[in-house]
Amino acid sequence: MLKRQYDEKLAQKEELRKRSEEMEIKLDRAGKLLSGLAGEKVRWTETVEGLDTDMGFLVGDCLLASAFLSYMGPFLSNYRDEIVSTIWSKAVSVTPNTSPTAS
């Protein structure tokens, strides 16, 4: 009777030891995941700030695109390509951290 109880307690102890090891592994993985996500927070914050800035230029960008399409629509594609490469690209400049502006 005592032998059986002893064996049960040893089996229970072994089971708890295995669960403890599994939990330590999970805790270690969770720590690695959180530290990895902490770096992502910085990147996501910068991305959101950039998108907020770009949103301010949306109306002007749409205006330029619609003006281009309205004006260039009737012309043949080879003439449109020539105008884009020779005239339009030089007239519209893009500088870092600003919206395209006519020069």
PDB file of N, CA and C in Angstrom:
ATOM      1  N   MET A   1       0.818  -1.181   0.000  1.00  0.00           N
ATOM      2  CA  MET A   1       0.000   0.000   0.000  1.00  0.00           C
ATOM      3  C   MET A   1       0.875   1.264   0.000  1.00  0.00           C
ATOM      4  N   LEU A   2       1.860   1.358   0.896  1.00  0.00           N
ATOM      5  CA  LEU A   2       2.751   2.507   0.906  1.00  0.00           C
ATOM      6  C   LEU A   2       3.607   2.560  -0.350  1.00  0.00           C
ATOM      7  N   LYS A   3       3.984   1.401  -0.846  1.00  0.00           N
ATOM      8  CA  LYS A   3       4.785   1.327  -2.075  1.00  0.00           C
ATOM      9  C   LYS A   3       4.004   1.917  -3.242  1.00  0.00           C
ATOM     10  N   ARG A   4       2.711   1.594  -3.327  1.00  0.00           N
ATOM     11  CA  ARG A   4       1.864   2.094  -4.409  1.00  0.00           C
ATOM     12  C   ARG A   4       1.722   3.608  -4.308  1.00  0.00           C
ATOM     13  N   GLN A   5       1.491   4.122  -3.102  1.00  0.00           N
ATOM     14  CA  GLN A   5       1.367   5.564  -2.902  1.00  0.00           C
ATOM     15  C   GLN A   5       2.690   6.265  -3.258  1.00  0.00           C
ATOM     16  N   TYR A   6       3.782   5.636  -2.869  1.00  0.00           N
ATOM     17  CA  TYR A   6       5.097   6.185  -3.184  1.00  0.00           C
ATOM     18  C   TYR A   6       5.303   6.266  -4.690  1.00  0.00           C
ATOM     19  N   ASP A   7       4.960   5.191  -5.393  1.00  0.00           N
ATOM     20  CA  ASP A   7       5.087   5.164  -6.856  1.00  0.00           C
ATOM     21  C   ASP A   7       4.192   6.218  -7.511  1.00  0.00           C
ATOM     22  N   GLU A   8       2.970   6.388  -6.988  1.00  0.00           N
ATOM     23  CA  GLU A   8       2.059   7.401  -7.531  1.00  0.00           C
ATOM     24  C   GLU A   8       2.643   8.794  -7.344  1.00  0.00           C
ATOM     25  N   LYS A   9       3.194   9.041  -6.153  1.00  0.00           N
ATOM     26  CA  LYS A   9       3.771  10.356  -5.877  1.00  0.00           C
ATOM     27  C   LYS A   9       5.008  10.613  -6.742  1.00  0.00           C
ATOM     28  N   LEU A  10       5.806   9.590  -7.000  1.00  0.00           N
ATOM     29  CA  LEU A  10       6.960   9.746  -7.879  1.00  0.00           C
ATOM     30  C   LEU A  10       6.510  10.056  -9.313  1.00  0.00           C
ATOM     31  N   ALA A  11       5.464   9.359  -9.759  1.00  0.00           N
ATOM     32  CA  ALA A  11       4.935   9.609 -11.097  1.00  0.00           C
ATOM     33  C   ALA A  11       4.387  11.036 -11.183  1.00  0.00           C
ATOM     34  N   GLN A  12       3.698  11.470 -10.136  1.00  0.00           N
ATOM     35  CA  GLN A  12       3.152  12.823 -10.100  1.00  0.00           C
ATOM     36  C   GLN A  12       4.293  13.851 -10.108  1.00  0.00           C
ATOM     37  N   LYS A  13       5.342  13.566  -9.346  1.00  0.00           N
ATOM     38  CA  LYS A  13       6.499  14.457  -9.300  1.00  0.00           C
ATOM     39  C   LYS A  13       7.140  14.574 -10.682  1.00  0.00           C
ATOM     40  N   GLU A  14       7.287  13.461 -11.362  1.00  0.00           N
ATOM     41  CA  GLU A  14       7.881  13.454 -12.705  1.00  0.00           C
ATOM     42  C   GLU A  14       7.007  14.245 -13.692  1.00  0.00           C
ATOM     43  N   GLU A  15       5.697  14.061 -13.578  1.00  0.00           N
ATOM     44  CA  GLU A  15       4.748  14.791 -14.428  1.00  0.00           C
ATOM     45  C   GLU A  15       4.879  16.300 -14.189  1.00  0.00           C
ATOM     46  N   LEU A  16       4.949  16.710 -12.948  1.00  0.00           N
ATOM     47  CA  LEU A  16       5.087  18.124 -12.617  1.00  0.00           C
ATOM     48  C   LEU A  16       6.429  18.690 -13.098  1.00  0.00           C
ATOM     49  N   ARG A  17       7.480  17.902 -13.019  1.00  0.00           N
ATOM     50  CA  ARG A  17       8.786  18.333 -13.499  1.00  0.00           C
ATOM     51  C   ARG A  17       8.751  18.579 -15.011  1.00  0.00           C
ATOM     52  N   LYS A  18       8.103  17.666 -15.744  1.00  0.00           N
ATOM     53  CA  LYS A  18       7.991  17.828 -17.189  1.00  0.00           C
ATOM     54  C   LYS A  18       7.172  19.068 -17.544  1.00  0.00           C
ATOM     55  N   ARG A  19       6.078  19.281 -16.835  1.00  0.00           N
ATOM     56  CA  ARG A  19       5.243  20.459 -17.085  1.00  0.00           C
ATOM     57  C   ARG A  19       6.014  21.735 -16.766  1.00  0.00           C
ATOM     58  N   SER A  20       6.819  21.690 -15.706  1.00  0.00           N
ATOM     59  CA  SER A  20       7.632  22.848 -15.334  1.00  0.00           C
ATOM     60  C   SER A  20       8.636  23.174 -16.444  1.00  0.00           C
ATOM     61  N   GLU A  21       9.277  22.168 -17.002  1.00  0.00           N
ATOM     62  CA  GLU A  21      10.226  22.382 -18.098  1.00  0.00           C
ATOM     63  C   GLU A  21       9.518  22.967 -19.325  1.00  0.00           C
ATOM     64  N   GLU A  22       8.334  22.440 -19.626  1.00  0.00           N
ATOM     65  CA  GLU A  22       7.562  22.957 -20.756  1.00  0.00           C
ATOM     66  C   GLU A  22       7.191  24.419 -20.540  1.00  0.00           C
ATOM     67  N   MET A  23       6.802  24.751 -19.321  1.00  0.00           N
ATOM     68  CA  MET A  23       6.425  26.130 -19.017  1.00  0.00           C
ATOM     69  C   MET A  23       7.634  27.064 -19.110  1.00  0.00           C
ATOM     70  N   GLU A  24       8.804  26.608 -18.681  1.00  0.00           N
ATOM     71  CA  GLU A  24      10.014  27.419 -18.804  1.00  0.00           C
ATOM     72  C   GLU A  24      10.335  27.687 -20.271  1.00  0.00           C
ATOM     73  N   ILE A  25      10.174  26.679 -21.114  1.00  0.00           N
ATOM     74  CA  ILE A  25      10.415  26.852 -22.549  1.00  0.00           C
ATOM     75  C   ILE A  25       9.421  27.862 -23.127  1.00  0.00           C
ATOM     76  N   LYS A  26       8.150  27.733 -22.742  1.00  0.00           N
ATOM     77  CA  LYS A  26       7.133  28.668 -23.236  1.00  0.00           C
ATOM     78  C   LYS A  26       7.404  30.085 -22.753  1.00  0.00           C
ATOM     79  N   LEU A  27       7.841  30.211 -21.509  1.00  0.00           N
ATOM     80  CA  LEU A  27       8.152  31.527 -20.952  1.00  0.00           C
ATOM     81  C   LEU A  27       9.330  32.155 -21.691  1.00  0.00           C
ATOM     82  N   ASP A  28      10.326  31.363 -22.003  1.00  0.00           N
ATOM     83  CA  ASP A  28      11.486  31.848 -22.749  1.00  0.00           C
ATOM     84  C   ASP A  28      11.060  32.313 -24.145  1.00  0.00           C
ATOM     85  N   ARG A  29      10.235  31.525 -24.808  1.00  0.00           N
ATOM     86  CA  ARG A  29       9.746  31.892 -26.135  1.00  0.00           C
ATOM     87  C   ARG A  29       8.899  33.166 -26.085  1.00  0.00           C
ATOM     88  N   ALA A  30       8.080  33.291 -25.062  1.00  0.00           N
ATOM     89  CA  ALA A  30       7.247  34.491 -24.914  1.00  0.00           C
ATOM     90  C   ALA A  30       8.131  35.719 -24.714  1.00  0.00           C
ATOM     91  N   GLY A  31       9.188  35.582 -23.930  1.00  0.00           N
ATOM     92  CA  GLY A  31      10.114  36.700 -23.733  1.00  0.00           C
ATOM     93  C   GLY A  31      10.783  37.121 -25.029  1.00  0.00           C
ATOM     94  N   LYS A  32      11.207  36.139 -25.830  1.00  0.00           N
ATOM     95  CA  LYS A  32      11.817  36.447 -27.120  1.00  0.00           C
ATOM     96  C   LYS A  32      10.817  37.137 -28.047  1.00  0.00           C
ATOM     97  N   LEU A  33       9.581  36.665 -28.033  1.00  0.00           N
ATOM     98  CA  LEU A  33       8.541  37.267 -28.867  1.00  0.00           C
ATOM     99  C   LEU A  33       8.282  38.715 -28.467  1.00  0.00           C
ATOM    100  N   LEU A  34       8.180  38.968 -27.168  1.00  0.00           N
ATOM    101  CA  LEU A  34       7.939  40.335 -26.693  1.00  0.00           C
ATOM    102  C   LEU A  34       9.099  41.263 -27.025  1.00  0.00           C
ATOM    103  N   SER A  35      10.313  40.788 -26.885  1.00  0.00           N
ATOM    104  CA  SER A  35      11.452  41.650 -27.219  1.00  0.00           C
ATOM    105  C   SER A  35      11.499  41.923 -28.715  1.00  0.00           C
ATOM    106  N   GLY A  36      11.119  40.944 -29.530  1.00  0.00           N
ATOM    107  CA  GLY A  36      11.046  41.162 -30.977  1.00  0.00           C
ATOM    108  C   GLY A  36       9.958  42.146 -31.348  1.00  0.00           C
ATOM    109  N   LEU A  37       8.827  42.060 -30.668  1.00  0.00           N
ATOM    110  CA  LEU A  37       7.718  42.968 -30.958  1.00  0.00           C
ATOM    111  C   LEU A  37       8.001  44.381 -30.472  1.00  0.00           C
ATOM    112  N   ALA A  38       8.835  44.522 -29.465  1.00  0.00           N
ATOM    113  CA  ALA A  38       9.190  45.858 -28.987  1.00  0.00           C
ATOM    114  C   ALA A  38       9.918  46.626 -30.083  1.00  0.00           C
ATOM    115  N   GLY A  39      10.779  45.949 -30.822  1.00  0.00           N
ATOM    116  CA  GLY A  39      11.457  46.577 -31.956  1.00  0.00           C
ATOM    117  C   GLY A  39      10.489  46.914 -33.071  1.00  0.00           C
ATOM    118  N   GLU A  40       9.488  46.093 -33.256  1.00  0.00           N
ATOM    119  CA  GLU A  40       8.483  46.351 -34.281  1.00  0.00           C
ATOM    120  C   GLU A  40       7.650  47.574 -33.941  1.00  0.00           C
ATOM    121  N   LYS A  41       7.461  47.846 -32.661  1.00  0.00           N
ATOM    122  CA  LYS A  41       6.662  49.010 -32.262  1.00  0.00           C
ATOM    123  C   LYS A  41       7.286  50.290 -32.793  1.00  0.00           C
ATOM    124  N   VAL A  42       8.602  50.379 -32.708  1.00  0.00           N
ATOM    125  CA  VAL A  42       9.298  51.559 -33.210  1.00  0.00           C
ATOM    126  C   VAL A  42       9.082  51.691 -34.711  1.00  0.00           C
ATOM    127  N   ARG A  43       9.232  50.594 -35.422  1.00  0.00           N
ATOM    128  CA  ARG A  43       9.064  50.622 -36.877  1.00  0.00           C
ATOM    129  C   ARG A  43       7.638  50.992 -37.254  1.00  0.00           C
ATOM    130  N   TRP A  44       6.669  50.426 -36.567  1.00  0.00           N
ATOM    131  CA  TRP A  44       5.258  50.722 -36.857  1.00  0.00           C
ATOM    132  C   TRP A  44       4.935  52.179 -36.547  1.00  0.00           C
ATOM    133  N   THR A  45       5.503  52.714 -35.472  1.00  0.00           N
ATOM    134  CA  THR A  45       5.265  54.117 -35.132  1.00  0.00           C
ATOM    135  C   THR A  45       5.801  55.027 -36.230  1.00  0.00           C
ATOM    136  N   GLU A  46       6.997  54.735 -36.718  1.00  0.00           N
ATOM    137  CA  GLU A  46       7.567  55.533 -37.809  1.00  0.00           C
ATOM    138  C   GLU A  46       6.726  55.405 -39.077  1.00  0.00           C
ATOM    139  N   THR A  47       6.229  54.210 -39.357  1.00  0.00           N
ATOM    140  CA  THR A  47       5.395  54.009 -40.542  1.00  0.00           C
ATOM    141  C   THR A  47       4.102  54.807 -40.445  1.00  0.00           C
ATOM    142  N   VAL A  48       3.488  54.795 -39.278  1.00  0.00           N
ATOM    143  CA  VAL A  48       2.235  55.544 -39.088  1.00  0.00           C
ATOM    144  C   VAL A  48       2.479  57.032 -39.265  1.00  0.00           C
ATOM    145  N   GLU A  49       3.578  57.541 -38.717  1.00  0.00           N
ATOM    146  CA  GLU A  49       3.899  58.962 -38.879  1.00  0.00           C
ATOM    147  C   GLU A  49       4.104  59.301 -40.352  1.00  0.00           C
ATOM    148  N   GLY A  50       4.785  58.421 -41.081  1.00  0.00           N
ATOM    149  CA  GLY A  50       4.992  58.640 -42.516  1.00  0.00           C
ATOM    150  C   GLY A  50       3.681  58.628 -43.283  1.00  0.00           C
ATOM    151  N   LEU A  51       2.793  57.717 -42.922  1.00  0.00           N
ATOM    152  CA  LEU A  51       1.500  57.654 -43.601  1.00  0.00           C
ATOM    153  C   LEU A  51       0.653  58.879 -43.288  1.00  0.00           C
ATOM    154  N   ASP A  52       0.732  59.375 -42.057  1.00  0.00           N
ATOM    155  CA  ASP A  52       0.016  60.606 -41.709  1.00  0.00           C
ATOM    156  C   ASP A  52       0.508  61.768 -42.561  1.00  0.00           C
ATOM    157  N   THR A  53       1.810  61.854 -42.755  1.00  0.00           N
ATOM    158  CA  THR A  53       2.379  62.909 -43.596  1.00  0.00           C
ATOM    159  C   THR A  53       1.916  62.749 -45.040  1.00  0.00           C
ATOM    160  N   ASP A  54       1.977  61.532 -45.543  1.00  0.00           N
ATOM    161  CA  ASP A  54       1.548  61.284 -46.925  1.00  0.00           C
ATOM    162  C   ASP A  54       0.072  61.589 -47.119  1.00  0.00           C
ATOM    163  N   MET A  55      -0.743  61.385 -46.100  1.00  0.00           N
ATOM    164  CA  MET A  55      -2.173  61.654 -46.203  1.00  0.00           C
ATOM    165  C   MET A  55      -2.425  63.133 -46.467  1.00  0.00           C
ATOM    166  N   GLY A  56      -1.568  63.993 -45.959  1.00  0.00           N
ATOM    167  CA  GLY A  56      -1.708  65.425 -46.193  1.00  0.00           C
ATOM    168  C   GLY A  56      -1.483  65.803 -47.643  1.00  0.00           C
ATOM    169  N   PHE A  57      -0.748  64.984 -48.375  1.00  0.00           N
ATOM    170  CA  PHE A  57      -0.453  65.259 -49.776  1.00  0.00           C
ATOM    171  C   PHE A  57      -1.431  64.580 -50.726  1.00  0.00           C
ATOM    172  N   LEU A  58      -2.370  63.823 -50.201  1.00  0.00           N
ATOM    173  CA  LEU A  58      -3.256  63.017 -51.032  1.00  0.00           C
ATOM    174  C   LEU A  58      -4.079  63.859 -52.001  1.00  0.00           C
ATOM    175  N   VAL A  59      -4.639  64.966 -51.535  1.00  0.00           N
ATOM    176  CA  VAL A  59      -5.487  65.797 -52.394  1.00  0.00           C
ATOM    177  C   VAL A  59      -4.684  66.352 -53.560  1.00  0.00           C
ATOM    178  N   GLY A  60      -3.500  66.877 -53.273  1.00  0.00           N
ATOM    179  CA  GLY A  60      -2.654  67.428 -54.339  1.00  0.00           C
ATOM    180  C   GLY A  60      -2.207  66.356 -55.315  1.00  0.00           C
ATOM    181  N   ASP A  61      -1.853  65.178 -54.802  1.00  0.00           N
ATOM    182  CA  ASP A  61      -1.441  64.083 -55.676  1.00  0.00           C
ATOM    183  C   ASP A  61      -2.580  63.649 -56.591  1.00  0.00           C
ATOM    184  N   CYS A  62      -3.787  63.593 -56.037  1.00  0.00           N
ATOM    185  CA  CYS A  62      -4.957  63.230 -56.849  1.00  0.00           C
ATOM    186  C   CYS A  62      -5.237  64.301 -57.903  1.00  0.00           C
ATOM    187  N   LEU A  63      -5.051  65.554 -57.523  1.00  0.00           N
ATOM    188  CA  LEU A  63      -5.262  66.650 -58.469  1.00  0.00           C
ATOM    189  C   LEU A  63      -4.277  66.557 -59.633  1.00  0.00           C
ATOM    190  N   LEU A  64      -2.999  66.307 -59.309  1.00  0.00           N
ATOM    191  CA  LEU A  64      -2.000  66.153 -60.371  1.00  0.00           C
ATOM    192  C   LEU A  64      -2.316  64.970 -61.279  1.00  0.00           C
ATOM    193  N   ALA A  65      -2.696  63.857 -60.683  1.00  0.00           N
ATOM    194  CA  ALA A  65      -2.995  62.665 -61.475  1.00  0.00           C
ATOM    195  C   ALA A  65      -4.205  62.887 -62.367  1.00  0.00           C
ATOM    196  N   SER A  66      -5.250  63.505 -61.835  1.00  0.00           N
ATOM    197  CA  SER A  66      -6.447  63.727 -62.655  1.00  0.00           C
ATOM    198  C   SER A  66      -6.179  64.755 -63.747  1.00  0.00           C
ATOM    199  N   ALA A  67      -5.374  65.772 -63.450  1.00  0.00           N
ATOM    200  CA  ALA A  67      -5.018  66.752 -64.478  1.00  0.00           C
ATOM    201  C   ALA A  67      -4.233  66.085 -65.598  1.00  0.00           C
ATOM    202  N   PHE A  68      -3.296  65.229 -65.225  1.00  0.00           N
ATOM    203  CA  PHE A  68      -2.505  64.520 -66.227  1.00  0.00           C
ATOM    204  C   PHE A  68      -3.386  63.632 -67.094  1.00  0.00           C
ATOM    205  N   LEU A  69      -4.259  62.867 -66.455  1.00  0.00           N
ATOM    206  CA  LEU A  69      -5.124  61.965 -67.219  1.00  0.00           C
ATOM    207  C   LEU A  69      -6.095  62.729 -68.111  1.00  0.00           C
ATOM    208  N   SER A  70      -6.634  63.835 -67.612  1.00  0.00           N
ATOM    209  CA  SER A  70      -7.568  64.630 -68.404  1.00  0.00           C
ATOM    210  C   SER A  70      -6.884  65.226 -69.622  1.00  0.00           C
ATOM    211  N   TYR A  71      -5.683  65.736 -69.434  1.00  0.00           N
ATOM    212  CA  TYR A  71      -4.986  66.381 -70.539  1.00  0.00           C
ATOM    213  C   TYR A  71      -4.441  65.360 -71.531  1.00  0.00           C
ATOM    214  N   MET A  72      -3.863  64.275 -71.025  1.00  0.00           N
ATOM    215  CA  MET A  72      -3.162  63.320 -71.890  1.00  0.00           C
ATOM    216  C   MET A  72      -4.057  62.243 -72.482  1.00  0.00           C
ATOM    217  N   GLY A  73      -5.270  62.128 -72.014  1.00  0.00           N
ATOM    218  CA  GLY A  73      -6.159  61.062 -72.480  1.00  0.00           C
ATOM    219  C   GLY A  73      -6.339  60.966 -73.976  1.00  0.00           C
ATOM    220  N   PRO A  74      -6.579  62.055 -74.675  1.00  0.00           N
ATOM    221  CA  PRO A  74      -6.858  61.955 -76.107  1.00  0.00           C
ATOM    222  C   PRO A  74      -5.638  61.632 -76.971  1.00  0.00           C
ATOM    223  N   PHE A  75      -4.429  61.820 -76.454  1.00  0.00           N
ATOM    224  CA  PHE A  75      -3.243  61.601 -77.278  1.00  0.00           C
ATOM    225  C   PHE A  75      -2.913  60.123 -77.421  1.00  0.00           C
ATOM    226  N   LEU A  76      -2.169  59.790 -78.473  1.00  0.00           N
ATOM    227  CA  LEU A  76      -1.724  58.409 -78.696  1.00  0.00           C
ATOM    228  C   LEU A  76      -0.708  58.022 -77.616  1.00  0.00           C
ATOM    229  N   SER A  77      -0.589  56.722 -77.379  1.00  0.00           N
ATOM    230  CA  SER A  77       0.270  56.252 -76.285  1.00  0.00           C
ATOM    231  C   SER A  77       1.738  56.600 -76.510  1.00  0.00           C
ATOM    232  N   ASN A  78       2.217  56.536 -77.745  1.00  0.00           N
ATOM    233  CA  ASN A  78       3.636  56.864 -77.966  1.00  0.00           C
ATOM    234  C   ASN A  78       3.896  58.348 -77.707  1.00  0.00           C
ATOM    235  N   TYR A  79       2.941  59.213 -78.031  1.00  0.00           N
ATOM    236  CA  TYR A  79       3.082  60.643 -77.747  1.00  0.00           C
ATOM    237  C   TYR A  79       3.004  60.896 -76.242  1.00  0.00           C
ATOM    238  N   ARG A  80       2.112  60.180 -75.545  1.00  0.00           N
ATOM    239  CA  ARG A  80       2.023  60.312 -74.084  1.00  0.00           C
ATOM    240  C   ARG A  80       3.335  59.909 -73.425  1.00  0.00           C
ATOM    241  N   ASP A  81       3.919  58.794 -73.895  1.00  0.00           N
ATOM    242  CA  ASP A  81       5.202  58.347 -73.337  1.00  0.00           C
ATOM    243  C   ASP A  81       6.285  59.401 -73.537  1.00  0.00           C
ATOM    244  N   GLU A  82       6.305  60.007 -74.728  1.00  0.00           N
ATOM    245  CA  GLU A  82       7.301  61.036 -75.019  1.00  0.00           C
ATOM    246  C   GLU A  82       7.100  62.251 -74.113  1.00  0.00           C
ATOM    247  N   ILE A  83       5.866  62.670 -73.934  1.00  0.00           N
ATOM    248  CA  ILE A  83       5.572  63.832 -73.089  1.00  0.00           C
ATOM    249  C   ILE A  83       5.975  63.528 -71.637  1.00  0.00           C
ATOM    250  N   VAL A  84       5.648  62.327 -71.161  1.00  0.00           N
ATOM    251  CA  VAL A  84       5.994  61.957 -69.781  1.00  0.00           C
ATOM    252  C   VAL A  84       7.503  61.979 -69.591  1.00  0.00           C
ATOM    253  N   SER A  85       8.251  61.394 -70.521  1.00  0.00           N
ATOM    254  CA  SER A  85       9.694  61.287 -70.334  1.00  0.00           C
ATOM    255  C   SER A  85      10.431  62.603 -70.565  1.00  0.00           C
ATOM    256  N   THR A  86       9.917  63.460 -71.445  1.00  0.00           N
ATOM    257  CA  THR A  86      10.665  64.677 -71.752  1.00  0.00           C
ATOM    258  C   THR A  86      10.165  65.906 -70.997  1.00  0.00           C
ATOM    259  N   ILE A  87       8.866  66.059 -70.835  1.00  0.00           N
ATOM    260  CA  ILE A  87       8.330  67.295 -70.261  1.00  0.00           C
ATOM    261  C   ILE A  87       7.822  67.095 -68.837  1.00  0.00           C
ATOM    262  N   TRP A  88       6.913  66.145 -68.661  1.00  0.00           N
ATOM    263  CA  TRP A  88       6.221  65.989 -67.384  1.00  0.00           C
ATOM    264  C   TRP A  88       7.180  65.615 -66.249  1.00  0.00           C
ATOM    265  N   SER A  89       8.100  64.696 -66.507  1.00  0.00           N
ATOM    266  CA  SER A  89       9.038  64.266 -65.460  1.00  0.00           C
ATOM    267  C   SER A  89       9.903  65.410 -64.976  1.00  0.00           C
ATOM    268  N   LYS A  90      10.268  66.323 -65.883  1.00  0.00           N
ATOM    269  CA  LYS A  90      11.095  67.468 -65.496  1.00  0.00           C
ATOM    270  C   LYS A  90      10.276  68.533 -64.785  1.00  0.00           C
ATOM    271  N   ALA A  91       8.985  68.627 -65.117  1.00  0.00           N
ATOM    272  CA  ALA A  91       8.135  69.658 -64.519  1.00  0.00           C
ATOM    273  C   ALA A  91       7.700  69.292 -63.107  1.00  0.00           C
ATOM    274  N   VAL A  92       7.639  68.013 -62.813  1.00  0.00           N
ATOM    275  CA  VAL A  92       7.217  67.559 -61.496  1.00  0.00           C
ATOM    276  C   VAL A  92       8.441  66.982 -60.799  1.00  0.00           C
ATOM    277  N   SER A  93       8.837  67.596 -59.693  1.00  0.00           N
ATOM    278  CA  SER A  93      10.008  67.102 -58.969  1.00  0.00           C
ATOM    279  C   SER A  93       9.549  66.548 -57.628  1.00  0.00           C
ATOM    280  N   VAL A  94      10.280  65.543 -57.160  1.00  0.00           N
ATOM    281  CA  VAL A  94       9.984  64.940 -55.867  1.00  0.00           C
ATOM    282  C   VAL A  94      11.229  65.108 -55.003  1.00  0.00           C
ATOM    283  N   THR A  95      11.063  65.762 -53.856  1.00  0.00           N
ATOM    284  CA  THR A  95      12.160  65.905 -52.916  1.00  0.00           C
ATOM    285  C   THR A  95      11.836  65.110 -51.670  1.00  0.00           C
ATOM    286  N   PRO A  96      12.845  64.651 -50.915  1.00  0.00           N
ATOM    287  CA  PRO A  96      12.566  63.838 -49.722  1.00  0.00           C
ATOM    288  C   PRO A  96      11.682  64.588 -48.737  1.00  0.00           C
ATOM    289  N   ASN A  97      10.753  63.868 -48.156  1.00  0.00           N
ATOM    290  CA  ASN A  97       9.841  64.376 -47.122  1.00  0.00           C
ATOM    291  C   ASN A  97       8.912  65.485 -47.607  1.00  0.00           C
ATOM    292  N   THR A  98       8.729  65.587 -48.910  1.00  0.00           N
ATOM    293  CA  THR A  98       7.763  66.562 -49.422  1.00  0.00           C
ATOM    294  C   THR A  98       6.931  65.911 -50.497  1.00  0.00           C
ATOM    295  N   SER A  99       5.861  66.552 -50.837  1.00  0.00           N
ATOM    296  CA  SER A  99       4.997  66.068 -51.898  1.00  0.00           C
ATOM    297  C   SER A  99       5.574  66.540 -53.227  1.00  0.00           C
ATOM    298  N   PRO A 100       5.224  65.849 -54.319  1.00  0.00           N
ATOM    299  CA  PRO A 100       5.655  66.332 -55.625  1.00  0.00           C
ATOM    300  C   PRO A 100       5.138  67.754 -55.846  1.00  0.00           C
ATOM    301  N   THR A 101       6.003  68.613 -56.345  1.00  0.00           N
ATOM    302  CA  THR A 101       5.598  69.994 -56.590  1.00  0.00           C
ATOM    303  C   THR A 101       5.987  70.384 -57.992  1.00  0.00           C
ATOM    304  N   ALA A 102       5.211  71.232 -58.593  1.00  0.00           N
ATOM    305  CA  ALA A 102       5.555  71.727 -59.914  1.00  0.00           C
ATOM    306  C   ALA A 102       6.694  72.709 -59.791  1.00  0.00           C
ATOM    307  N   SER A 103       7.676  72.620 -60.693  1.00  0.00           N
ATOM    308  CA  SER A 103       8.806  73.557 -60.605  1.00  0.00           C
ATOM    309  C   SER A 103       8.719  74.592 -61.700  1.00  0.00           C
TER     310      SER A 103
END
